[in-house]
Amino acid sequence: MKVKCPTCKKRVEYSSSNPHRPFCCERCRMIDLGEWADESYSIPLNVPNEHKLDDADGLESPLNRPFKTDYEN
């Protein structure tokens, strides 16, 4: 199966014979890694509004509670 390299868009074989898959080469793989390291890419984080947590069915926000461990009495 052929796919486009995420970095350069070159068509490349996606198989176990390609050690850089889904990239076409080591260079494209390292460019992509550098983009993640520089935080050019990110995974969006949907943090609920704290006030919405307080209002939801009268539940207290878990963000306002102190952290407890099993070791505390």
C-alpha atoms as a PDB file:
ATOM      1  CA  MET A   1       0.000   0.000   0.000  1.00  0.00           C
ATOM      2  CA  LYS A   2       1.289   3.471  -0.848  1.00  0.00           C
ATOM      3  CA  VAL A   3       0.786   6.483   1.412  1.00  0.00           C
ATOM      4  CA  LYS A   4       1.974  10.080   1.362  1.00  0.00           C
ATOM      5  CA  CYS A   5       4.930  10.938   3.582  1.00  0.00           C
ATOM      6  CA  PRO A   6       3.512  13.303   6.261  1.00  0.00           C
ATOM      7  CA  THR A   7       6.482  15.655   5.834  1.00  0.00           C
ATOM      8  CA  CYS A   8       7.247  15.931   2.110  1.00  0.00           C
ATOM      9  CA  LYS A   9       4.087  14.310   0.669  1.00  0.00           C
ATOM     10  CA  LYS A  10       6.126  11.927  -1.502  1.00  0.00           C
ATOM     11  CA  ARG A  11       4.317   8.626  -2.153  1.00  0.00           C
ATOM     12  CA  VAL A  12       5.999   5.829  -0.231  1.00  0.00           C
ATOM     13  CA  GLU A  13       5.396   2.135   0.369  1.00  0.00           C
ATOM     14  CA  TYR A  14       3.806   1.528   3.768  1.00  0.00           C
ATOM     15  CA  SER A  15       5.151  -1.879   4.697  1.00  0.00           C
ATOM     16  CA  SER A  16       7.584  -3.572   7.049  1.00  0.00           C
ATOM     17  CA  SER A  17      10.256  -3.198   4.361  1.00  0.00           C
ATOM     18  CA  ASN A  18      10.242   0.585   4.988  1.00  0.00           C
ATOM     19  CA  PRO A  19      11.925   1.163   8.372  1.00  0.00           C
ATOM     20  CA  HIS A  20      10.855   4.850   8.365  1.00  0.00           C
ATOM     21  CA  ARG A  21       7.143   4.298   7.736  1.00  0.00           C
ATOM     22  CA  PRO A  22       4.993   6.319   7.453  1.00  0.00           C
ATOM     23  CA  PHE A  23       7.832   8.635   6.414  1.00  0.00           C
ATOM     24  CA  CYS A  24       9.873   8.215   3.248  1.00  0.00           C
ATOM     25  CA  CYS A  25      13.284   8.590   4.908  1.00  0.00           C
ATOM     26  CA  GLU A  26      15.140   9.329   8.133  1.00  0.00           C
ATOM     27  CA  ARG A  27      15.357  13.031   7.254  1.00  0.00           C
ATOM     28  CA  CYS A  28      11.555  13.421   7.045  1.00  0.00           C
ATOM     29  CA  ARG A  29      11.150  11.432  10.243  1.00  0.00           C
ATOM     30  CA  MET A  30      13.576  13.708  12.094  1.00  0.00           C
ATOM     31  CA  ILE A  31      11.916  16.859  10.723  1.00  0.00           C
ATOM     32  CA  ASP A  32       8.608  15.642  12.133  1.00  0.00           C
ATOM     33  CA  LEU A  33      10.197  14.787  15.492  1.00  0.00           C
ATOM     34  CA  GLY A  34      11.712  18.277  15.600  1.00  0.00           C
ATOM     35  CA  GLU A  35       8.293  19.832  15.007  1.00  0.00           C
ATOM     36  CA  TRP A  36       6.909  17.953  18.022  1.00  0.00           C
ATOM     37  CA  ALA A  37       9.972  18.860  20.130  1.00  0.00           C
ATOM     38  CA  ASP A  38       9.578  22.558  19.229  1.00  0.00           C
ATOM     39  CA  GLU A  39       5.885  22.269  20.164  1.00  0.00           C
ATOM     40  CA  SER A  40       4.848  23.291  16.645  1.00  0.00           C
ATOM     41  CA  TYR A  41       2.374  20.413  16.847  1.00  0.00           C
ATOM     42  CA  SER A  42       0.181  19.864  19.838  1.00  0.00           C
ATOM     43  CA  ILE A  43      -2.718  17.732  20.899  1.00  0.00           C
ATOM     44  CA  PRO A  44      -5.641  19.965  21.860  1.00  0.00           C
ATOM     45  CA  LEU A  45      -6.675  19.693  25.480  1.00  0.00           C
ATOM     46  CA  ASN A  46     -10.303  20.350  26.306  1.00  0.00           C
ATOM     47  CA  VAL A  47     -10.268  21.448  29.928  1.00  0.00           C
ATOM     48  CA  PRO A  48     -13.782  21.963  31.236  1.00  0.00           C
ATOM     49  CA  ASN A  49     -14.554  25.289  32.787  1.00  0.00           C
ATOM     50  CA  GLU A  50     -14.142  24.910  36.557  1.00  0.00           C
ATOM     51  CA  HIS A  51     -17.425  26.711  37.184  1.00  0.00           C
ATOM     52  CA  LYS A  52     -19.286  24.219  35.028  1.00  0.00           C
ATOM     53  CA  LEU A  53     -17.960  21.412  37.220  1.00  0.00           C
ATOM     54  CA  ASP A  54     -19.224  23.177  40.359  1.00  0.00           C
ATOM     55  CA  ASP A  55     -22.688  23.660  38.878  1.00  0.00           C
ATOM     56  CA  ALA A  56     -23.107  20.154  37.445  1.00  0.00           C
ATOM     57  CA  ASP A  57     -25.638  18.358  39.632  1.00  0.00           C
ATOM     58  CA  GLY A  58     -24.233  20.011  42.743  1.00  0.00           C
ATOM     59  CA  LEU A  59     -20.914  18.167  42.417  1.00  0.00           C
ATOM     60  CA  GLU A  60     -17.786  19.763  43.787  1.00  0.00           C
ATOM     61  CA  SER A  61     -14.950  20.315  41.340  1.00  0.00           C
ATOM     62  CA  PRO A  62     -12.209  17.697  41.780  1.00  0.00           C
ATOM     63  CA  LEU A  63      -9.756  20.516  41.083  1.00  0.00           C
ATOM     64  CA  ASN A  64     -10.656  22.170  44.402  1.00  0.00           C
ATOM     65  CA  ARG A  65     -10.148  19.097  46.588  1.00  0.00           C
ATOM     66  CA  PRO A  66      -6.801  18.406  48.264  1.00  0.00           C
ATOM     67  CA  PHE A  67      -4.875  15.431  46.945  1.00  0.00           C
ATOM     68  CA  LYS A  68      -5.150  12.391  49.209  1.00  0.00           C
ATOM     69  CA  THR A  69      -3.148   9.226  49.130  1.00  0.00           C
ATOM     70  CA  ASP A  70      -3.958   5.788  50.499  1.00  0.00           C
ATOM     71  CA  TYR A  71      -1.219   6.343  53.070  1.00  0.00           C
ATOM     72  CA  GLU A  72      -3.007   9.169  54.883  1.00  0.00           C
ATOM     73  CA  ASN A  73      -5.169   8.292  57.908  1.00  0.00           C
END
